[in-house]
Amino acid sequence: MEEDLLKRFVGSAIKVLSTELSVGAGVGQPSMQADYYVTHGVTALIGVTGQLRGMVIFGLEEKTALNLVSHMMGSEFTEMDAVAQSGIAEMANVMVGSSVTSLAEMGIECGITPPAVVLGKGTVISTPNIRRLVIPLVVPVGTIEMQLAIRENAVR
């Protein structure tokens, strides 16, 4: 993935998290993964379509997800009920949507799919033929593992 594209995704995610949580957000050490992704507890998935295609995956421990939603919504959540799931889905939607808007400024036209949320540890998610770039997003409530499984679409 080109460095400019990476910066758009990471920059948008950091900006959204910093705004939503009213605190700074940082980036951990990125890595590449080619094998299956195994969920941590709460996982949000958003597809990317258009000139780029693939998926953005946000993996969180359940405790981190509950803390994140509690801060975002201003109310304490102790379980991943429908409202908490909606909060995680919306967070992912805003981060990827902001990235796509930023990409459009570069002349790269993309769309996104509605978010999906997977609950529970141990679910295997495959991104066939697309290596994932894993970027830890570090915030005071925990770490969100953003995984970019995106490549240029052959059809433009």
N, C-alpha and C. Protein backbone atom coordinates (compact mmCIF):
# COMPACT_ATOMS: atom_id res chain seq x y z
N MET A 1 0.85 -1.18 0.00
CA MET A 1 0.00 0.00 0.00
C MET A 1 0.89 1.24 0.00
N GLU A 2 0.57 2.17 -0.87
CA GLU A 2 1.36 3.39 -0.96
C GLU A 2 1.34 4.15 0.36
N GLU A 3 2.44 4.82 0.63
CA GLU A 3 2.57 5.56 1.88
C GLU A 3 1.52 6.65 2.01
N ASP A 4 1.20 7.35 0.91
CA ASP A 4 0.18 8.40 0.96
C ASP A 4 -1.18 7.84 1.35
N LEU A 5 -1.52 6.66 0.82
CA LEU A 5 -2.79 6.04 1.17
C LEU A 5 -2.82 5.65 2.64
N LEU A 6 -1.73 5.06 3.09
CA LEU A 6 -1.62 4.67 4.49
C LEU A 6 -1.80 5.87 5.41
N LYS A 7 -1.13 6.97 5.06
CA LYS A 7 -1.24 8.17 5.89
C LYS A 7 -2.67 8.68 5.96
N ARG A 8 -3.43 8.54 4.87
CA ARG A 8 -4.83 8.99 4.86
C ARG A 8 -5.67 8.15 5.82
N PHE A 9 -5.49 6.84 5.81
CA PHE A 9 -6.26 5.98 6.70
C PHE A 9 -5.87 6.20 8.16
N VAL A 10 -4.58 6.21 8.44
CA VAL A 10 -4.11 6.37 9.82
C VAL A 10 -4.45 7.77 10.33
N GLY A 11 -4.19 8.78 9.53
CA GLY A 11 -4.46 10.16 9.95
C GLY A 11 -5.93 10.38 10.25
N SER A 12 -6.79 9.85 9.41
CA SER A 12 -8.23 9.98 9.64
C SER A 12 -8.66 9.28 10.93
N ALA A 13 -8.14 8.06 11.15
CA ALA A 13 -8.49 7.31 12.35
C ALA A 13 -8.04 8.05 13.61
N ILE A 14 -6.82 8.56 13.60
CA ILE A 14 -6.29 9.29 14.76
C ILE A 14 -7.12 10.55 15.02
N LYS A 15 -7.46 11.26 13.96
CA LYS A 15 -8.24 12.49 14.12
C LYS A 15 -9.62 12.20 14.71
N VAL A 16 -10.28 11.18 14.19
CA VAL A 16 -11.62 10.82 14.69
C VAL A 16 -11.54 10.38 16.16
N LEU A 17 -10.59 9.52 16.48
CA LEU A 17 -10.46 9.06 17.87
C LEU A 17 -10.14 10.21 18.81
N SER A 18 -9.23 11.09 18.41
CA SER A 18 -8.87 12.22 19.26
C SER A 18 -10.07 13.13 19.49
N THR A 19 -10.86 13.34 18.45
CA THR A 19 -12.05 14.20 18.57
C THR A 19 -13.11 13.53 19.44
N GLU A 20 -13.41 12.27 19.17
CA GLU A 20 -14.46 11.56 19.91
C GLU A 20 -14.12 11.39 21.39
N LEU A 21 -12.84 11.15 21.69
CA LEU A 21 -12.44 10.90 23.07
C LEU A 21 -11.91 12.13 23.77
N SER A 22 -11.74 13.22 23.03
CA SER A 22 -11.19 14.49 23.57
C SER A 22 -9.82 14.29 24.20
N VAL A 23 -9.05 13.36 23.68
CA VAL A 23 -7.68 13.11 24.14
C VAL A 23 -6.83 12.74 22.94
N GLY A 24 -5.55 12.76 23.12
CA GLY A 24 -4.65 12.38 22.04
C GLY A 24 -4.70 10.88 21.78
N ALA A 25 -4.43 10.53 20.55
CA ALA A 25 -4.34 9.12 20.15
C ALA A 25 -2.99 8.93 19.48
N GLY A 26 -2.41 7.77 19.66
CA GLY A 26 -1.10 7.49 19.07
C GLY A 26 -1.14 6.25 18.20
N VAL A 27 0.00 6.01 17.56
CA VAL A 27 0.13 4.87 16.65
C VAL A 27 1.26 3.98 17.15
N GLY A 28 0.97 2.69 17.27
CA GLY A 28 1.98 1.72 17.66
C GLY A 28 2.76 1.24 16.44
N GLN A 29 3.56 0.22 16.63
CA GLN A 29 4.41 -0.32 15.57
C GLN A 29 3.59 -1.10 14.54
N PRO A 30 3.55 -0.65 13.28
CA PRO A 30 2.82 -1.38 12.24
C PRO A 30 3.51 -2.70 11.91
N SER A 31 2.73 -3.65 11.40
CA SER A 31 3.28 -4.93 10.95
C SER A 31 2.42 -5.43 9.79
N MET A 32 2.93 -6.42 9.07
CA MET A 32 2.19 -7.05 7.98
C MET A 32 1.78 -8.45 8.41
N GLN A 33 0.58 -8.86 7.99
CA GLN A 33 0.12 -10.21 8.27
C GLN A 33 -0.49 -10.80 7.00
N ALA A 34 -0.18 -12.03 6.74
CA ALA A 34 -0.71 -12.70 5.55
C ALA A 34 -1.67 -13.83 5.92
N ASP A 35 -1.59 -14.29 7.16
CA ASP A 35 -2.45 -15.40 7.55
C ASP A 35 -3.82 -14.88 8.01
N TYR A 36 -4.63 -15.76 8.53
CA TYR A 36 -5.97 -15.41 8.96
C TYR A 36 -5.95 -14.43 10.12
N TYR A 37 -7.01 -13.62 10.20
CA TYR A 37 -7.21 -12.76 11.36
C TYR A 37 -8.14 -13.49 12.30
N VAL A 38 -7.78 -13.55 13.57
CA VAL A 38 -8.62 -14.18 14.58
C VAL A 38 -9.10 -13.08 15.52
N THR A 39 -10.42 -12.97 15.68
CA THR A 39 -11.00 -11.88 16.45
C THR A 39 -10.58 -11.90 17.91
N HIS A 40 -10.56 -10.68 18.49
CA HIS A 40 -10.14 -10.49 19.88
C HIS A 40 -11.30 -10.47 20.86
N GLY A 41 -12.44 -10.04 20.44
CA GLY A 41 -13.60 -9.89 21.33
C GLY A 41 -14.68 -9.09 20.63
N VAL A 42 -14.29 -7.94 20.06
CA VAL A 42 -15.21 -7.11 19.29
C VAL A 42 -14.47 -6.69 18.03
N THR A 43 -15.08 -6.92 16.89
CA THR A 43 -14.45 -6.60 15.61
C THR A 43 -15.45 -5.88 14.73
N ALA A 44 -15.04 -4.73 14.19
CA ALA A 44 -15.86 -4.01 13.22
C ALA A 44 -15.22 -4.17 11.85
N LEU A 45 -16.03 -4.45 10.85
CA LEU A 45 -15.56 -4.66 9.48
C LEU A 45 -16.26 -3.68 8.55
N ILE A 46 -15.49 -3.05 7.67
CA ILE A 46 -16.07 -2.16 6.66
C ILE A 46 -15.37 -2.44 5.34
N GLY A 47 -16.16 -2.69 4.31
CA GLY A 47 -15.61 -2.92 2.98
C GLY A 47 -15.30 -1.60 2.29
N VAL A 48 -14.30 -1.64 1.43
CA VAL A 48 -13.92 -0.49 0.61
C VAL A 48 -14.11 -0.89 -0.84
N THR A 49 -14.77 -0.02 -1.61
CA THR A 49 -15.07 -0.30 -3.02
C THR A 49 -14.58 0.85 -3.88
N GLY A 50 -14.54 0.65 -5.17
CA GLY A 50 -14.13 1.71 -6.10
C GLY A 50 -12.71 1.48 -6.59
N GLN A 51 -11.93 2.56 -6.66
CA GLN A 51 -10.56 2.46 -7.15
C GLN A 51 -9.68 1.61 -6.23
N LEU A 52 -10.05 1.54 -4.96
CA LEU A 52 -9.42 0.62 -4.02
C LEU A 52 -10.48 -0.38 -3.63
N ARG A 53 -10.04 -1.59 -3.27
CA ARG A 53 -11.01 -2.57 -2.81
C ARG A 53 -10.40 -3.39 -1.69
N GLY A 54 -11.27 -3.85 -0.84
CA GLY A 54 -10.81 -4.66 0.27
C GLY A 54 -11.64 -4.39 1.51
N MET A 55 -10.96 -4.40 2.64
CA MET A 55 -11.66 -4.31 3.91
C MET A 55 -10.78 -3.63 4.95
N VAL A 56 -11.43 -2.87 5.84
CA VAL A 56 -10.77 -2.32 7.01
C VAL A 56 -11.37 -3.03 8.21
N ILE A 57 -10.50 -3.56 9.05
CA ILE A 57 -10.92 -4.33 10.23
C ILE A 57 -10.43 -3.59 11.47
N PHE A 58 -11.32 -3.40 12.43
CA PHE A 58 -10.95 -2.82 13.72
C PHE A 58 -11.18 -3.88 14.78
N GLY A 59 -10.10 -4.33 15.42
CA GLY A 59 -10.20 -5.35 16.46
C GLY A 59 -9.93 -4.76 17.83
N LEU A 60 -10.79 -5.07 18.78
CA LEU A 60 -10.65 -4.56 20.15
C LEU A 60 -10.96 -5.66 21.15
N GLU A 61 -10.34 -5.58 22.28
CA GLU A 61 -10.78 -6.42 23.40
C GLU A 61 -12.13 -5.87 23.84
N GLU A 62 -12.98 -6.72 24.39
CA GLU A 62 -14.31 -6.26 24.81
C GLU A 62 -14.23 -5.11 25.81
N LYS A 63 -13.31 -5.20 26.75
CA LYS A 63 -13.17 -4.13 27.77
C LYS A 63 -12.84 -2.80 27.10
N THR A 64 -11.95 -2.83 26.12
CA THR A 64 -11.59 -1.61 25.38
C THR A 64 -12.80 -1.07 24.64
N ALA A 65 -13.56 -1.97 23.99
CA ALA A 65 -14.75 -1.55 23.25
C ALA A 65 -15.76 -0.89 24.19
N LEU A 66 -15.99 -1.48 25.35
CA LEU A 66 -16.94 -0.92 26.31
C LEU A 66 -16.46 0.44 26.82
N ASN A 67 -15.17 0.56 27.11
CA ASN A 67 -14.62 1.85 27.55
C ASN A 67 -14.75 2.90 26.46
N LEU A 68 -14.47 2.51 25.23
CA LEU A 68 -14.55 3.43 24.10
C LEU A 68 -15.98 3.93 23.91
N VAL A 69 -16.93 3.02 23.89
CA VAL A 69 -18.33 3.40 23.71
C VAL A 69 -18.81 4.25 24.89
N SER A 70 -18.40 3.91 26.09
CA SER A 70 -18.79 4.70 27.26
C SER A 70 -18.31 6.14 27.14
N HIS A 71 -17.07 6.33 26.70
CA HIS A 71 -16.54 7.68 26.52
C HIS A 71 -17.25 8.41 25.38
N MET A 72 -17.48 7.72 24.28
CA MET A 72 -18.11 8.34 23.11
C MET A 72 -19.54 8.76 23.40
N MET A 73 -20.27 7.94 24.13
CA MET A 73 -21.70 8.19 24.33
C MET A 73 -22.02 8.86 25.67
N GLY A 74 -21.00 9.01 26.52
CA GLY A 74 -21.21 9.70 27.79
C GLY A 74 -22.06 8.93 28.78
N SER A 75 -22.10 7.62 28.65
CA SER A 75 -22.88 6.76 29.53
C SER A 75 -22.13 5.45 29.69
N GLU A 76 -22.13 4.90 30.89
CA GLU A 76 -21.35 3.68 31.11
C GLU A 76 -22.03 2.45 30.51
N PHE A 77 -21.25 1.68 29.76
CA PHE A 77 -21.71 0.43 29.19
C PHE A 77 -20.95 -0.70 29.85
N THR A 78 -21.68 -1.73 30.27
CA THR A 78 -21.06 -2.89 30.91
C THR A 78 -21.21 -4.15 30.09
N GLU A 79 -21.97 -4.07 28.98
CA GLU A 79 -22.11 -5.22 28.09
C GLU A 79 -22.25 -4.71 26.66
N MET A 80 -21.90 -5.58 25.74
CA MET A 80 -21.97 -5.22 24.32
C MET A 80 -23.39 -5.42 23.80
N ASP A 81 -24.30 -4.60 24.31
CA ASP A 81 -25.69 -4.67 23.85
C ASP A 81 -25.81 -4.00 22.48
N ALA A 82 -27.03 -3.90 21.97
CA ALA A 82 -27.25 -3.35 20.63
C ALA A 82 -26.76 -1.91 20.51
N VAL A 83 -26.93 -1.12 21.56
CA VAL A 83 -26.49 0.28 21.52
C VAL A 83 -24.97 0.36 21.49
N ALA A 84 -24.30 -0.46 22.30
CA ALA A 84 -22.84 -0.47 22.31
C ALA A 84 -22.29 -0.93 20.96
N GLN A 85 -22.92 -1.95 20.38
CA GLN A 85 -22.51 -2.42 19.06
C GLN A 85 -22.68 -1.34 18.02
N SER A 86 -23.78 -0.62 18.11
CA SER A 86 -24.04 0.48 17.19
C SER A 86 -22.96 1.56 17.33
N GLY A 87 -22.53 1.82 18.54
CA GLY A 87 -21.47 2.81 18.78
C GLY A 87 -20.15 2.40 18.15
N ILE A 88 -19.79 1.13 18.28
CA ILE A 88 -18.56 0.63 17.67
C ILE A 88 -18.67 0.69 16.15
N ALA A 89 -19.83 0.29 15.62
CA ALA A 89 -20.03 0.34 14.16
C ALA A 89 -19.92 1.78 13.66
N GLU A 90 -20.51 2.71 14.38
CA GLU A 90 -20.46 4.10 13.95
C GLU A 90 -19.05 4.67 14.02
N MET A 91 -18.29 4.30 15.05
CA MET A 91 -16.90 4.74 15.16
C MET A 91 -16.11 4.27 13.94
N ALA A 92 -16.27 3.01 13.58
CA ALA A 92 -15.57 2.45 12.42
C ALA A 92 -16.04 3.16 11.15
N ASN A 93 -17.33 3.37 11.02
CA ASN A 93 -17.91 4.03 9.86
C ASN A 93 -17.34 5.44 9.67
N VAL A 94 -17.25 6.18 10.76
CA VAL A 94 -16.74 7.56 10.67
C VAL A 94 -15.25 7.55 10.32
N MET A 95 -14.49 6.64 10.91
CA MET A 95 -13.05 6.60 10.62
C MET A 95 -12.79 6.25 9.15
N VAL A 96 -13.46 5.23 8.64
CA VAL A 96 -13.24 4.83 7.25
C VAL A 96 -13.86 5.85 6.30
N GLY A 97 -15.03 6.38 6.65
CA GLY A 97 -15.65 7.41 5.83
C GLY A 97 -14.78 8.64 5.70
N SER A 98 -14.15 9.04 6.78
CA SER A 98 -13.23 10.17 6.76
C SER A 98 -12.02 9.87 5.88
N SER A 99 -11.55 8.63 5.93
CA SER A 99 -10.42 8.22 5.08
C SER A 99 -10.78 8.31 3.60
N VAL A 100 -11.98 7.84 3.27
CA VAL A 100 -12.43 7.86 1.87
C VAL A 100 -12.59 9.30 1.38
N THR A 101 -13.08 10.17 2.24
CA THR A 101 -13.19 11.59 1.89
C THR A 101 -11.81 12.18 1.63
N SER A 102 -10.85 11.82 2.46
CA SER A 102 -9.47 12.28 2.30
C SER A 102 -8.85 11.73 1.01
N LEU A 103 -9.16 10.48 0.68
CA LEU A 103 -8.65 9.88 -0.55
C LEU A 103 -9.21 10.59 -1.78
N ALA A 104 -10.46 11.02 -1.70
CA ALA A 104 -11.08 11.74 -2.82
C ALA A 104 -10.32 13.03 -3.13
N GLU A 105 -9.75 13.64 -2.10
CA GLU A 105 -8.94 14.85 -2.30
C GLU A 105 -7.68 14.54 -3.12
N MET A 106 -7.26 13.29 -3.12
CA MET A 106 -6.11 12.84 -3.92
C MET A 106 -6.54 12.38 -5.31
N GLY A 107 -7.85 12.39 -5.56
CA GLY A 107 -8.37 11.91 -6.84
C GLY A 107 -8.67 10.42 -6.86
N ILE A 108 -8.69 9.79 -5.70
CA ILE A 108 -8.99 8.36 -5.60
C ILE A 108 -10.42 8.22 -5.11
N GLU A 109 -11.30 7.74 -6.00
CA GLU A 109 -12.72 7.62 -5.68
C GLU A 109 -13.03 6.24 -5.11
N CYS A 110 -13.57 6.23 -3.90
CA CYS A 110 -13.91 4.99 -3.22
C CYS A 110 -15.25 5.15 -2.51
N GLY A 111 -15.84 4.03 -2.20
CA GLY A 111 -17.03 3.99 -1.38
C GLY A 111 -16.80 3.00 -0.26
N ILE A 112 -17.74 2.96 0.67
CA ILE A 112 -17.64 2.00 1.77
C ILE A 112 -18.96 1.26 1.92
N THR A 113 -18.87 0.08 2.50
CA THR A 113 -20.06 -0.72 2.78
C THR A 113 -20.53 -0.40 4.20
N PRO A 114 -21.76 -0.72 4.51
CA PRO A 114 -22.20 -0.57 5.91
C PRO A 114 -21.33 -1.43 6.82
N PRO A 115 -21.09 -0.96 8.04
CA PRO A 115 -20.25 -1.73 8.95
C PRO A 115 -20.95 -2.99 9.47
N ALA A 116 -20.14 -3.98 9.78
CA ALA A 116 -20.62 -5.19 10.44
C ALA A 116 -19.80 -5.33 11.72
N VAL A 117 -20.43 -5.83 12.77
CA VAL A 117 -19.74 -6.04 14.04
C VAL A 117 -19.81 -7.52 14.38
N VAL A 118 -18.65 -8.09 14.70
CA VAL A 118 -18.54 -9.49 15.09
C VAL A 118 -18.19 -9.52 16.58
N LEU A 119 -18.97 -10.26 17.36
CA LEU A 119 -18.70 -10.38 18.79
C LEU A 119 -18.11 -11.74 19.10
N GLY A 120 -17.19 -11.77 20.04
CA GLY A 120 -16.61 -13.03 20.48
C GLY A 120 -15.19 -13.22 19.97
N LYS A 121 -14.45 -13.95 20.77
CA LYS A 121 -13.07 -14.28 20.42
C LYS A 121 -13.01 -15.53 19.57
N GLY A 122 -12.02 -15.58 18.69
CA GLY A 122 -11.74 -16.81 17.98
C GLY A 122 -12.37 -16.97 16.62
N THR A 123 -13.16 -16.00 16.16
CA THR A 123 -13.71 -16.10 14.81
C THR A 123 -12.58 -15.85 13.81
N VAL A 124 -12.49 -16.68 12.80
CA VAL A 124 -11.44 -16.54 11.79
C VAL A 124 -11.99 -15.74 10.61
N ILE A 125 -11.28 -14.68 10.25
CA ILE A 125 -11.65 -13.85 9.10
C ILE A 125 -10.50 -13.93 8.10
N SER A 126 -10.85 -14.29 6.89
CA SER A 126 -9.84 -14.44 5.84
C SER A 126 -9.94 -13.30 4.85
N THR A 127 -8.80 -12.80 4.42
CA THR A 127 -8.73 -11.80 3.35
C THR A 127 -7.87 -12.41 2.24
N PRO A 128 -8.46 -13.32 1.46
CA PRO A 128 -7.68 -14.06 0.47
C PRO A 128 -6.92 -13.15 -0.49
N ASN A 129 -5.68 -13.46 -0.68
CA ASN A 129 -4.81 -12.77 -1.64
C ASN A 129 -4.55 -11.30 -1.31
N ILE A 130 -4.89 -10.87 -0.11
CA ILE A 130 -4.57 -9.50 0.31
C ILE A 130 -3.90 -9.57 1.68
N ARG A 131 -2.64 -9.18 1.71
CA ARG A 131 -1.94 -9.09 3.00
C ARG A 131 -2.51 -7.91 3.77
N ARG A 132 -2.56 -8.05 5.07
CA ARG A 132 -3.11 -6.99 5.92
C ARG A 132 -2.00 -6.20 6.58
N LEU A 133 -2.12 -4.88 6.52
CA LEU A 133 -1.25 -4.00 7.27
C LEU A 133 -1.93 -3.74 8.60
N VAL A 134 -1.28 -4.08 9.69
CA VAL A 134 -1.84 -3.96 11.04
C VAL A 134 -1.22 -2.74 11.72
N ILE A 135 -2.09 -1.82 12.13
CA ILE A 135 -1.64 -0.59 12.78
C ILE A 135 -2.35 -0.47 14.13
N PRO A 136 -1.61 -0.58 15.24
CA PRO A 136 -2.24 -0.38 16.55
C PRO A 136 -2.52 1.12 16.77
N LEU A 137 -3.76 1.44 17.11
CA LEU A 137 -4.15 2.79 17.45
C LEU A 137 -4.28 2.83 18.97
N VAL A 138 -3.44 3.63 19.62
CA VAL A 138 -3.35 3.61 21.07
C VAL A 138 -4.07 4.84 21.64
N VAL A 139 -5.07 4.58 22.48
CA VAL A 139 -5.82 5.63 23.15
C VAL A 139 -5.86 5.29 24.64
N PRO A 140 -6.18 6.26 25.50
CA PRO A 140 -6.17 5.98 26.94
C PRO A 140 -7.07 4.82 27.38
N VAL A 141 -8.11 4.50 26.63
CA VAL A 141 -9.01 3.42 27.03
C VAL A 141 -8.54 2.05 26.55
N GLY A 142 -7.44 2.01 25.77
CA GLY A 142 -6.91 0.74 25.28
C GLY A 142 -6.37 0.86 23.87
N THR A 143 -6.17 -0.25 23.23
CA THR A 143 -5.62 -0.27 21.88
C THR A 143 -6.65 -0.83 20.90
N ILE A 144 -6.76 -0.15 19.78
CA ILE A 144 -7.63 -0.61 18.69
C ILE A 144 -6.69 -1.06 17.58
N GLU A 145 -6.84 -2.28 17.15
CA GLU A 145 -5.98 -2.81 16.09
C GLU A 145 -6.68 -2.58 14.75
N MET A 146 -6.18 -1.59 14.00
CA MET A 146 -6.73 -1.31 12.68
C MET A 146 -5.95 -2.15 11.67
N GLN A 147 -6.68 -2.91 10.86
CA GLN A 147 -6.05 -3.75 9.84
C GLN A 147 -6.57 -3.33 8.47
N LEU A 148 -5.64 -3.01 7.60
CA LEU A 148 -5.98 -2.59 6.25
C LEU A 148 -5.69 -3.72 5.28
N ALA A 149 -6.73 -4.29 4.72
CA ALA A 149 -6.60 -5.35 3.71
C ALA A 149 -7.15 -4.73 2.42
N ILE A 150 -6.35 -3.87 1.82
CA ILE A 150 -6.81 -3.06 0.69
C ILE A 150 -5.78 -3.10 -0.42
N ARG A 151 -6.29 -3.12 -1.65
CA ARG A 151 -5.40 -3.03 -2.80
C ARG A 151 -6.10 -2.24 -3.88
N GLU A 152 -5.31 -1.82 -4.87
CA GLU A 152 -5.88 -1.09 -6.00
C GLU A 152 -6.75 -2.04 -6.81
N ASN A 153 -7.89 -1.51 -7.24
CA ASN A 153 -8.79 -2.27 -8.08
C ASN A 153 -8.26 -2.26 -9.50
N ALA A 154 -8.21 -3.41 -10.13
CA ALA A 154 -7.67 -3.52 -11.49
C ALA A 154 -8.56 -2.79 -12.49
N VAL A 155 -9.84 -2.65 -12.20
CA VAL A 155 -10.79 -1.97 -13.09
C VAL A 155 -11.00 -0.56 -12.56
N ARG A 156 -10.68 0.43 -13.37
CA ARG A 156 -10.85 1.81 -12.90
C ARG A 156 -11.90 2.50 -13.68
